[in-house]
Amino acid sequence: MKSALLGAMLVGSCVLPQVVPEARGDFHATGTIARGALTSGFDGARVVSPNLELARRTDGSWGGRFSQAGSGLTQAMDVSVEGDVVRGVDFLMRRERAGDRTIITGTFKAKSFRFELWKDGFSAHTTRYSAEFAGRQAQPDGSIRFGDEGALVMAGDAVALDPIAWPQLAFALFGAFY
C-alpha cells in the first residue's frame, strides 16, 4: 500500500513539458515557404501548414500533428531536437553542411526525404515529389523566388535559409513537400 501511494505521489509530482507561452497566441509567421497554393509558415515557437502543426515545448521538444494530403489520416508528432538531429517515433531528420549547401535528410514512416538549399537554388526529393528549383530571383519585398515563374517562394526568416530557423525551416519544408 505504501509503495503504491508513493508511486502515485511521484507520478503526480512529475512536471511534463508544456507548450511555450509564445505558441499560445495568434500565429504570425516570421518565415514562409510557398509552393503553389500550399504555404508553410513558422515563427520561433510554431510551424503551421495545411498538413502540419507543431509547437515548441518548454524542454525544447516539439509536438503536434501531421496529416498526409489525401490520406484522411492524422498522426501525432512528438520529436526532440539535439543539435543538428531531430528524432521522434517514425521520424528522423538531420541537417548537415556541404560547402555552401545545407542538406536536410530524413525519414518519416520509413520513407525518405531530402532537401538541399544553396544560394542559387533549392531541391526537394520525397517519395511523392521530386524537383529542383534553380535561378534565385530576389524580389523587391525581400522574398526570393526559385524556378520558373516563382514556383517556390521563400519570405522572411526562410530567406536566410540557415542557420537562423533550425528546426522550424526544416519542419516547414517537410510540411510543404511531404
Foldseek 3Di string as FASTA:
>chain_A
DVVVVVVVVVVVPDDDWDFDPVVPDDDDFQKWKDAPPWIWGDDQFWIDTPFDTWGATPVRWIWDWGDPPPPPDIDIWTWHDDPQWIDDVQKIWGWDDDPQKIKIWIGHNNWIKIWIDGDFWIWIDTPVDTDIWGGWDQDPVRWIATHDPRSMIMDGPCNVVDDVDPPNNVVRVVRNPD
